[in-house]
């Protein structure tokens, strides 16, 4: 890559990113007062999150080997989603089973499947299982009992008023109990709360749910894996990884939402991107069908991604890129939601949310065009991320045709999500606080990372036409 790099463009790229680096190393870092020590709880949480990442990485690697899949990231998604799928799609059976029992049962199924699979190295797998159990019981448990690692302060009110109680109900009872006891928010998708409970149980044996930062910090490492696995040059991966790290350190709000929030915006963004690119770029029919099926499961995640995932699946069918069978797999979650409503009296997923939309439209018939600028200004408050996306825009337009043809669907989805945010605040939530518009826009953040990698490659290899 370095041999074919346009040196002028490389210096331009470094110049574009210089404000982010300057702000961190000359403004923020000198004012850093955090106690740097191995006993610092922030570092301990990061260490445990890395252990969780290693667990997910190894499990994902074995699943990749067993099924012959293209990426570990996609394999991790299969493992994580399998717990929710069995709990949600077989709710009529799982409703009487505690979450912890279900956790043991599904892990046992995975263990039997992997240990009997001819492609999996048996000794390495058994050693991994033993080390995981020992690490959980003697390393993580000891750190948890010795240090105060749990989160005691929540920046966003919805975290402790909405998502903490419902995640606690899943963890301490089960998913069915949480669905029936979610006052004021019945019908909301609980996939993310389910994942929070899962990651907590993987790492600890606590009886009562405690929100530990390491279950959210792990998405930083998973994001790095996603970048590493995408097909692009090692040079562009190094550049993007470093820049993203500095952007994360620069921006408190971005860091909080993507890697520190109980709402786990990072989980939604990460899994959507992993599954989207698997469906877009896989040539394996079985893998494509599975990725579409898991994309449909995101119907139970967050409202914007739920809508976009279903629209995208239907769009693929309309342009004849998937069959009727694959379409059925993709929207099966919607049908499951109706089945659970009919037979188990569970509110249809997002029904309450769309009822609130209807009420909002009735109450707020005014149109607030000023919110167009308010949303932009709210986003621009985060200058490091604004610079990051501004640079991406420049790089994208340098080779517009080439970049757009490769990432047409990803670009249109990100644009569609952004337009939805503006429509929401201009026509529906005209008098609602504008702060949340930022996190709705970055719902699809991980979708941009492969685009960034390829646009860096194209920019650095771009040859400026010389004048005659």
Protein backbone atom coordinates (compact mmCIF):
# COMPACT_ATOMS: atom_id res chain seq x y z
CA UNK A 1 0.00 0.00 0.00
CA UNK A 2 2.75 2.47 0.95
CA UNK A 3 4.49 1.96 -2.41
CA UNK A 4 1.38 3.02 -4.34
CA UNK A 5 0.35 5.80 -1.96
CA UNK A 6 -0.05 9.30 -3.30
CA UNK A 7 2.25 11.15 -0.87
CA UNK A 8 0.49 14.47 -1.44
CA UNK A 9 -2.86 12.91 -0.52
CA UNK A 10 -1.32 11.26 2.54
CA UNK A 11 -0.18 14.64 3.84
CA UNK A 12 -3.60 16.07 3.04
CA UNK A 13 -5.23 13.26 5.01
CA UNK A 14 -3.00 13.89 8.02
CA UNK A 15 -3.80 17.60 7.73
CA UNK A 16 -7.55 16.86 7.72
CA UNK A 17 -7.25 14.85 10.94
CA UNK A 18 -4.84 17.25 12.68
CA UNK A 19 -7.55 19.28 14.54
CA UNK A 20 -8.72 16.10 16.31
CA UNK A 21 -5.20 15.14 17.37
CA UNK A 22 -4.27 18.70 18.35
CA UNK A 23 -7.35 19.10 20.53
CA UNK A 24 -6.70 15.88 22.42
CA UNK A 25 -2.93 16.05 22.91
CA UNK A 26 -2.65 19.80 23.55
CA UNK A 27 -6.00 20.71 25.13
CA UNK A 28 -7.57 17.69 26.80
CA UNK A 29 -4.64 15.48 27.79
CA UNK A 30 -2.73 18.20 29.73
CA UNK A 31 -5.87 18.78 31.83
CA UNK A 32 -6.37 15.07 32.52
CA UNK A 33 -6.61 14.52 36.29
CA UNK A 34 -7.55 10.84 36.27
CA UNK A 35 -5.50 8.66 38.61
CA UNK A 36 -3.37 6.40 36.41
CA UNK A 37 -2.95 3.11 38.22
CA UNK A 38 -3.67 -0.57 37.72
CA UNK A 39 -6.18 -0.28 40.57
CA UNK A 40 -8.11 2.47 38.79
CA UNK A 41 -11.64 1.09 38.32
CA UNK A 42 -11.80 2.42 34.75
CA UNK A 43 -8.78 0.34 33.79
CA UNK A 44 -10.12 -2.71 35.63
CA UNK A 45 -13.42 -2.44 33.76
CA UNK A 46 -11.54 -2.16 30.47
CA UNK A 47 -9.47 -5.21 31.42
CA UNK A 48 -12.61 -7.27 32.15
CA UNK A 49 -14.21 -6.05 28.93
CA UNK A 50 -11.13 -7.30 27.08
CA UNK A 51 -11.54 -10.69 28.76
CA UNK A 52 -15.19 -10.71 27.64
CA UNK A 53 -14.02 -9.81 24.14
CA UNK A 54 -11.56 -12.72 24.14
CA UNK A 55 -14.38 -15.05 25.19
CA UNK A 56 -16.66 -13.81 22.39
CA UNK A 57 -13.77 -13.89 19.91
CA UNK A 58 -12.92 -17.52 20.66
CA UNK A 59 -16.54 -18.67 20.61
CA UNK A 60 -17.08 -16.73 17.38
CA UNK A 61 -13.96 -18.31 15.88
CA UNK A 62 -15.21 -21.84 16.66
CA UNK A 63 -18.63 -21.05 15.16
CA UNK A 64 -16.91 -19.60 12.09
CA UNK A 65 -14.88 -22.80 11.69
CA UNK A 66 -17.87 -25.08 12.29
CA UNK A 67 -20.17 -23.32 9.78
CA UNK A 68 -17.48 -22.17 7.34
CA UNK A 69 -18.47 -18.50 7.67
CA UNK A 70 -16.59 -15.47 6.35
CA UNK A 71 -16.10 -13.49 9.54
CA UNK A 72 -15.73 -13.87 13.29
CA UNK A 73 -17.86 -10.76 13.85
CA UNK A 74 -20.81 -12.39 12.09
CA UNK A 75 -20.23 -15.60 14.07
CA UNK A 76 -20.28 -13.63 17.35
CA UNK A 77 -23.62 -12.15 16.30
CA UNK A 78 -24.99 -15.67 15.75
CA UNK A 79 -23.90 -16.72 19.24
CA UNK A 80 -25.25 -13.62 20.99
CA UNK A 81 -28.55 -13.55 19.09
CA UNK A 82 -29.16 -17.28 19.64
CA UNK A 83 -30.11 -16.63 23.29
CA UNK A 84 -32.65 -13.98 22.36
CA UNK A 85 -34.07 -15.94 19.41
CA UNK A 86 -34.83 -19.01 21.52
CA UNK A 87 -36.21 -16.86 24.33
CA UNK A 88 -38.38 -14.73 22.03
CA UNK A 89 -39.38 -17.05 19.21
CA UNK A 90 -40.12 -19.94 21.61
CA UNK A 91 -41.60 -17.74 24.31
CA UNK A 92 -44.52 -20.12 24.87
CA UNK A 93 -41.93 -22.62 26.17
CA UNK A 94 -39.36 -20.25 27.66
CA UNK A 95 -41.85 -18.18 29.66
CA UNK A 96 -41.58 -20.52 32.67
CA UNK A 97 -37.78 -20.80 32.51
CA UNK A 98 -35.50 -18.40 34.38
CA UNK A 99 -33.00 -16.42 32.35
CA UNK A 100 -30.07 -18.08 34.14
CA UNK A 101 -31.42 -21.55 33.37
CA UNK A 102 -31.92 -20.60 29.74
CA UNK A 103 -28.35 -19.27 29.66
CA UNK A 104 -26.99 -22.60 30.87
CA UNK A 105 -29.20 -24.61 28.51
CA UNK A 106 -28.27 -22.70 25.34
CA UNK A 107 -24.57 -22.72 26.23
CA UNK A 108 -24.86 -26.48 26.75
CA UNK A 109 -26.36 -26.81 23.25
CA UNK A 110 -23.49 -24.78 21.80
CA UNK A 111 -20.98 -26.89 23.73
CA UNK A 112 -22.44 -30.16 22.41
CA UNK A 113 -22.60 -28.82 18.87
CA UNK A 114 -19.02 -27.50 18.84
CA UNK A 115 -17.39 -30.41 20.68
CA UNK A 116 -18.97 -32.90 18.27
CA UNK A 117 -18.15 -30.88 15.16
CA UNK A 118 -15.32 -32.47 13.18
CA UNK A 119 -13.83 -29.10 12.14
CA UNK A 120 -13.36 -27.86 15.74
CA UNK A 121 -10.11 -28.68 17.56
CA UNK A 122 -11.37 -30.59 20.61
CA UNK A 123 -8.42 -30.07 22.98
CA UNK A 124 -8.20 -26.34 22.32
CA UNK A 125 -11.94 -25.96 22.78
CA UNK A 126 -12.00 -27.87 26.08
CA UNK A 127 -9.02 -25.84 27.34
CA UNK A 128 -10.87 -22.64 26.43
CA UNK A 129 -13.99 -23.74 28.34
CA UNK A 130 -11.89 -24.58 31.41
CA UNK A 131 -9.96 -21.29 31.29
CA UNK A 132 -13.22 -19.34 30.84
CA UNK A 133 -14.76 -20.91 33.94
CA UNK A 134 -11.61 -20.37 36.01
CA UNK A 135 -11.27 -16.76 34.84
CA UNK A 136 -14.91 -16.04 35.66
CA UNK A 137 -14.78 -17.57 39.14
CA UNK A 138 -11.31 -16.57 40.33
CA UNK A 139 -10.34 -13.44 38.38
CA UNK A 140 -13.48 -11.49 37.51
CA UNK A 141 -15.39 -12.40 40.67
CA UNK A 142 -12.41 -11.41 42.79
CA UNK A 143 -12.09 -8.05 41.02
CA UNK A 144 -15.82 -7.38 41.40
CA UNK A 145 -15.76 -8.16 45.12
CA UNK A 146 -12.60 -6.10 45.70
CA UNK A 147 -13.39 -2.95 43.71
CA UNK A 148 -16.50 -0.84 43.20
CA UNK A 149 -16.88 -1.43 39.47
CA UNK A 150 -20.60 -0.87 38.98
CA UNK A 151 -22.09 2.24 37.43
CA UNK A 152 -23.64 4.55 40.02
CA UNK A 153 -24.39 7.57 37.83
CA UNK A 154 -26.39 7.68 34.62
CA UNK A 155 -26.15 10.62 32.24
CA UNK A 156 -29.40 9.95 30.37
CA UNK A 157 -32.58 9.70 32.52
CA UNK A 158 -33.98 6.83 30.42
CA UNK A 159 -31.10 4.62 31.56
CA UNK A 160 -32.02 4.29 35.23
CA UNK A 161 -35.74 5.01 34.83
CA UNK A 162 -36.47 2.69 31.88
CA UNK A 163 -33.64 0.38 30.84
CA UNK A 164 -32.11 -0.48 34.21
CA UNK A 165 -35.41 -1.76 35.69
CA UNK A 166 -36.34 -3.84 32.64
CA UNK A 167 -32.83 -5.32 32.29
CA UNK A 168 -32.97 -6.21 35.97
CA UNK A 169 -36.28 -8.05 35.42
CA UNK A 170 -34.81 -10.07 32.56
CA UNK A 171 -31.68 -10.97 34.53
CA UNK A 172 -33.35 -11.78 37.85
CA UNK A 173 -36.48 -13.40 36.41
CA UNK A 174 -36.86 -13.85 32.66
CA UNK A 175 -37.69 -12.16 29.36
CA UNK A 176 -41.41 -13.01 29.59
CA UNK A 177 -41.70 -11.37 33.01
CA UNK A 178 -39.97 -8.23 31.72
CA UNK A 179 -42.36 -8.00 28.74
CA UNK A 180 -45.39 -8.18 31.02
CA UNK A 181 -44.00 -5.73 33.58
CA UNK A 182 -42.75 -2.80 31.54
CA UNK A 183 -45.26 -0.07 32.50
CA UNK A 184 -45.41 2.93 30.20
CA UNK A 185 -43.15 1.24 27.65
CA UNK A 186 -44.92 -2.01 26.88
CA UNK A 187 -44.18 -3.25 23.40
CA UNK A 188 -40.67 -1.80 23.29
CA UNK A 189 -38.02 -4.08 21.80
CA UNK A 190 -35.86 -5.66 24.51
CA UNK A 191 -33.08 -7.26 22.46
CA UNK A 192 -30.47 -4.84 23.83
CA UNK A 193 -31.53 -5.38 27.44
CA UNK A 194 -31.37 -9.12 26.77
CA UNK A 195 -27.77 -8.73 25.52
CA UNK A 196 -26.85 -6.68 28.61
CA UNK A 197 -28.16 -9.49 30.82
CA UNK A 198 -26.31 -12.08 28.73
CA UNK A 199 -22.94 -10.32 28.92
CA UNK A 200 -23.34 -9.82 32.67
CA UNK A 201 -24.01 -13.53 33.17
CA UNK A 202 -21.06 -14.53 30.98
CA UNK A 203 -18.73 -12.53 33.23
CA UNK A 204 -20.24 -12.90 36.69
CA UNK A 205 -22.35 -15.10 38.94
CA UNK A 206 -24.11 -12.25 40.77
CA UNK A 207 -27.68 -13.00 41.83
CA UNK A 208 -29.00 -9.48 41.40
CA UNK A 209 -28.38 -7.43 38.28
CA UNK A 210 -25.65 -4.83 38.58
CA UNK A 211 -24.73 -2.67 35.61
CA UNK A 212 -20.99 -3.02 35.12
CA UNK A 213 -19.25 -0.78 32.56
CA UNK A 214 -17.36 -3.72 31.06
CA UNK A 215 -20.50 -5.10 29.40
CA UNK A 216 -20.66 -1.93 27.30
CA UNK A 217 -16.90 -1.24 26.96
CA UNK A 218 -16.57 -4.55 25.09
CA UNK A 219 -18.10 -2.94 22.01
CA UNK A 220 -14.96 -0.89 21.51
CA UNK A 221 -12.94 -4.09 21.03
CA UNK A 222 -15.69 -5.61 18.89
CA UNK A 223 -15.61 -2.47 16.73
CA UNK A 224 -11.85 -2.86 16.27
CA UNK A 225 -12.41 -6.48 15.22
CA UNK A 226 -15.05 -5.36 12.71
CA UNK A 227 -12.57 -2.88 11.21
CA UNK A 228 -9.80 -5.48 11.14
CA UNK A 229 -11.93 -8.08 9.35
CA UNK A 230 -13.20 -5.84 6.57
CA UNK A 231 -11.41 -6.25 3.23
CA UNK A 232 -9.20 -3.19 2.85
CA UNK A 233 -5.53 -2.31 3.22
CA UNK A 234 -3.76 -2.74 6.56
CA UNK A 235 -2.65 0.88 6.23
CA UNK A 236 -6.22 2.24 6.08
CA UNK A 237 -7.22 0.00 9.00
CA UNK A 238 -4.36 1.41 11.09
CA UNK A 239 -5.29 5.00 10.21
CA UNK A 240 -8.99 4.52 10.96
CA UNK A 241 -8.34 2.64 14.23
CA UNK A 242 -6.02 5.36 15.53
CA UNK A 243 -8.29 8.22 14.45
CA UNK A 244 -11.37 6.53 15.92
CA UNK A 245 -9.55 6.01 19.22
CA UNK A 246 -8.59 9.71 19.38
CA UNK A 247 -12.14 10.77 18.43
CA UNK A 248 -13.47 8.54 21.21
CA UNK A 249 -11.05 10.07 23.73
CA UNK A 250 -11.89 13.57 22.48
CA UNK A 251 -15.66 13.37 22.70
CA UNK A 252 -17.28 12.60 26.03
CA UNK A 253 -20.80 12.37 24.54
CA UNK A 254 -19.75 10.11 21.66
CA UNK A 255 -17.71 7.90 24.02
CA UNK A 256 -20.59 7.71 26.47
CA UNK A 257 -23.29 6.79 23.98
CA UNK A 258 -21.28 4.27 21.99
CA UNK A 259 -19.21 2.60 24.69
CA UNK A 260 -20.60 3.56 28.12
CA UNK A 261 -24.38 3.82 27.98
CA UNK A 262 -26.86 1.26 29.32
CA UNK A 263 -28.97 2.02 26.23
CA UNK A 264 -26.13 0.33 24.28
CA UNK A 265 -26.45 2.42 21.12
CA UNK A 266 -23.13 0.84 20.12
CA UNK A 267 -24.68 -2.65 20.20
CA UNK A 268 -27.47 -1.63 17.83
CA UNK A 269 -25.07 0.17 15.49
CA UNK A 270 -22.48 -2.62 15.63
CA UNK A 271 -24.80 -5.57 15.01
CA UNK A 272 -26.70 -3.74 12.27
CA UNK A 273 -23.44 -3.04 10.40
CA UNK A 274 -22.07 -6.57 10.86
CA UNK A 275 -25.29 -8.17 9.62
CA UNK A 276 -25.83 -5.64 6.84
CA UNK A 277 -22.38 -6.17 5.31
CA UNK A 278 -22.67 -9.93 5.72
CA UNK A 279 -25.91 -9.86 3.73
CA UNK A 280 -24.46 -7.48 1.14
CA UNK A 281 -21.11 -9.14 0.48
CA UNK A 282 -21.53 -12.85 1.20
CA UNK A 283 -21.64 -15.19 -1.79
CA UNK A 284 -22.67 -18.10 0.42
CA UNK A 285 -26.44 -18.64 0.12
CA UNK A 286 -26.80 -20.13 3.61
CA UNK A 287 -24.78 -17.32 5.18
CA UNK A 288 -26.81 -14.71 3.31
CA UNK A 289 -30.09 -16.26 4.48
CA UNK A 290 -28.84 -16.39 8.06
CA UNK A 291 -27.67 -12.77 7.97
CA UNK A 292 -31.08 -11.65 6.65
CA UNK A 293 -32.80 -13.65 9.38
CA UNK A 294 -30.65 -12.01 12.08
CA UNK A 295 -31.20 -8.57 10.53
CA UNK A 296 -34.91 -9.22 11.02
CA UNK A 297 -34.26 -9.93 14.71
CA UNK A 298 -33.12 -6.30 14.99
CA UNK A 299 -36.84 -5.52 14.79
CA UNK A 300 -36.65 -6.03 18.57
CA UNK A 301 -33.76 -3.56 19.09
CA UNK A 302 -34.31 0.21 18.76
CA UNK A 303 -37.12 1.94 16.88
CA UNK A 304 -35.12 3.49 14.02
CA UNK A 305 -33.00 0.41 13.32
CA UNK A 306 -36.08 -1.82 13.65
CA UNK A 307 -37.81 0.15 10.90
CA UNK A 308 -34.71 0.39 8.67
CA UNK A 309 -33.89 -3.33 9.00
CA UNK A 310 -37.39 -4.40 7.91
CA UNK A 311 -37.51 -1.83 5.08
CA UNK A 312 -34.10 -2.99 3.84
CA UNK A 313 -35.18 -6.65 3.80
CA UNK A 314 -38.37 -5.81 1.88
CA UNK A 315 -36.31 -3.64 -0.50
CA UNK A 316 -33.98 -6.57 -1.25
CA UNK A 317 -37.00 -8.68 -2.10
CA UNK A 318 -38.51 -6.01 -4.37
CA UNK A 319 -35.30 -5.73 -6.38
CA UNK A 320 -35.16 -9.55 -6.51
CA UNK A 321 -31.93 -9.97 -4.60
CA UNK A 322 -33.58 -12.37 -2.14
CA UNK A 323 -36.26 -15.03 -2.53
CA UNK A 324 -39.69 -15.28 -0.91
CA UNK A 325 -38.21 -17.82 1.51
CA UNK A 326 -35.45 -15.41 2.58
CA UNK A 327 -37.98 -12.59 2.90
CA UNK A 328 -40.02 -14.83 5.20
CA UNK A 329 -36.94 -15.45 7.33
CA UNK A 330 -36.22 -11.73 7.51
CA UNK A 331 -39.68 -10.64 8.62
CA UNK A 332 -40.36 -13.71 10.77
CA UNK A 333 -39.76 -11.62 13.89
CA UNK A 334 -42.76 -9.45 13.00
CA UNK A 335 -44.95 -12.54 12.72
CA UNK A 336 -43.57 -13.90 16.00
CA UNK A 337 -44.54 -10.62 17.66
CA UNK A 338 -48.15 -11.08 16.44
CA UNK A 339 -48.18 -14.73 17.55
CA UNK A 340 -46.96 -13.78 21.04
CA UNK A 341 -49.67 -11.10 21.15
CA UNK A 342 -52.44 -13.54 20.21
CA UNK A 343 -51.46 -16.47 22.42
CA UNK A 344 -49.48 -14.89 25.28
CA UNK A 345 -51.10 -11.44 25.51
CA UNK A 346 -47.75 -9.72 24.89
CA UNK A 347 -48.05 -6.29 23.32
CA UNK A 348 -47.04 -6.20 19.66
CA UNK A 349 -43.50 -4.87 19.42
CA UNK A 350 -43.46 -1.07 18.90
CA UNK A 351 -47.27 -0.84 18.96
CA UNK A 352 -47.15 1.42 22.01
CA UNK A 353 -44.39 3.50 20.44
CA UNK A 354 -46.41 4.15 17.28
CA UNK A 355 -49.47 4.92 19.41
CA UNK A 356 -47.38 7.63 21.05
CA UNK A 357 -46.46 8.93 17.60
CA UNK A 358 -50.16 9.20 16.77
CA UNK A 359 -50.82 11.04 20.02
CA UNK A 360 -47.89 13.36 19.38
CA UNK A 361 -49.22 14.21 15.91
CA UNK A 362 -52.66 14.97 17.37
CA UNK A 363 -51.24 17.17 20.12
CA UNK A 364 -48.57 18.90 18.04
CA UNK A 365 -50.13 19.84 14.74
CA UNK A 366 -47.62 22.65 14.25
CA UNK A 367 -44.57 22.28 12.02
CA UNK A 368 -41.30 23.48 13.50
CA UNK A 369 -38.89 24.20 10.64
CA UNK A 370 -36.38 25.75 13.04
CA UNK A 371 -35.70 22.26 14.37
CA UNK A 372 -33.86 21.56 11.12
CA UNK A 373 -31.12 23.93 12.28
CA UNK A 374 -31.50 22.89 15.90
CA UNK A 375 -30.71 19.26 15.02
CA UNK A 376 -27.66 20.35 13.00
CA UNK A 377 -26.42 22.61 15.78
CA UNK A 378 -26.95 19.87 18.35
CA UNK A 379 -24.78 17.53 16.31
CA UNK A 380 -22.09 20.14 15.66
CA UNK A 381 -21.59 20.56 19.41
CA UNK A 382 -19.55 17.38 19.14
CA UNK A 383 -16.72 18.90 17.11
CA UNK A 384 -14.39 15.86 17.03
CA UNK A 385 -17.10 13.63 15.53
CA UNK A 386 -18.16 16.44 13.20
CA UNK A 387 -14.58 16.69 11.89
CA UNK A 388 -14.42 12.91 11.59
CA UNK A 389 -17.57 12.83 9.42
CA UNK A 390 -16.56 15.95 7.48
CA UNK A 391 -13.30 14.27 6.45
CA UNK A 392 -15.26 11.16 5.40
CA UNK A 393 -17.48 13.35 3.23
CA UNK A 394 -14.47 14.92 1.51
CA UNK A 395 -12.82 11.55 0.89
CA UNK A 396 -16.09 10.09 -0.38
CA UNK A 397 -16.63 12.84 -2.95
CA UNK A 398 -13.07 12.72 -4.26
CA UNK A 399 -13.93 9.35 -5.84
CA UNK A 400 -17.71 9.75 -5.80
CA UNK A 401 -18.69 7.30 -8.54
CA UNK A 402 -16.34 4.57 -7.34
CA UNK A 403 -17.30 4.93 -3.67
CA UNK A 404 -21.03 5.30 -4.24
CA UNK A 405 -21.24 2.28 -6.54
CA UNK A 406 -19.60 0.10 -3.89
CA UNK A 407 -21.55 1.49 -0.95
CA UNK A 408 -24.81 2.56 -2.57
CA UNK A 409 -27.13 0.78 -0.13
CA UNK A 410 -25.07 1.65 2.96
CA UNK A 411 -24.96 5.33 1.93
CA UNK A 412 -28.68 5.46 1.23
CA UNK A 413 -29.51 3.77 4.55
CA UNK A 414 -27.40 6.28 6.51
CA UNK A 415 -29.04 9.11 4.57
CA UNK A 416 -32.50 7.63 5.17
CA UNK A 417 -31.85 7.35 8.91
CA UNK A 418 -30.68 10.97 9.03
CA UNK A 419 -33.73 12.18 7.10
CA UNK A 420 -35.98 10.27 9.50
CA UNK A 421 -34.45 12.18 12.41
CA UNK A 422 -35.14 15.52 10.76
CA UNK A 423 -38.72 14.50 9.86
CA UNK A 424 -39.32 13.39 13.43
CA UNK A 425 -38.27 16.71 14.96
CA UNK A 426 -39.78 18.98 12.30
CA UNK A 427 -43.20 17.35 11.93
CA UNK A 428 -43.84 15.16 15.00
CA UNK A 429 -41.68 15.96 18.03
CA UNK A 430 -41.85 19.67 17.37
CA UNK A 431 -41.62 20.69 21.01
CA UNK A 432 -39.54 17.80 22.36
CA UNK A 433 -36.03 18.35 23.71
CA UNK A 434 -33.59 18.19 20.82
CA UNK A 435 -30.72 16.43 22.66
CA UNK A 436 -31.67 12.90 21.62
CA UNK A 437 -31.42 13.74 17.92
CA UNK A 438 -27.66 13.20 18.17
CA UNK A 439 -27.94 9.58 19.28
CA UNK A 440 -30.60 8.83 16.68
CA UNK A 441 -28.24 10.01 13.93
CA UNK A 442 -25.35 7.83 15.13
CA UNK A 443 -27.65 4.76 15.22
CA UNK A 444 -25.92 3.72 11.99
CA UNK A 445 -22.40 4.86 12.88
CA UNK A 446 -20.74 1.46 12.34
CA UNK A 447 -22.22 1.38 8.85
CA UNK A 448 -19.76 4.16 7.96
CA UNK A 449 -16.59 2.34 9.05
CA UNK A 450 -16.14 0.12 5.96
CA UNK A 451 -16.98 3.16 3.80
CA UNK A 452 -14.23 5.08 5.61
CA UNK A 453 -11.71 2.26 5.06
CA UNK A 454 -12.30 2.02 1.33
CA UNK A 455 -12.48 5.78 0.79
CA UNK A 456 -9.10 6.15 2.53
CA UNK A 457 -7.65 3.50 0.20
CA UNK A 458 -9.17 5.17 -2.86
CA UNK A 459 -8.02 8.62 -1.76
CA UNK A 460 -4.45 7.54 -1.08
CA UNK A 461 -4.22 5.77 -4.41
CA UNK A 462 -5.98 8.56 -6.30
CA UNK A 463 -3.84 10.17 -8.98
CA UNK A 464 -4.44 13.82 -9.70
CA UNK A 465 -4.70 14.50 -13.42
CA UNK A 466 -1.80 16.62 -14.58
CA UNK A 467 -2.40 19.58 -16.87
CA UNK A 468 -0.88 19.48 -20.37
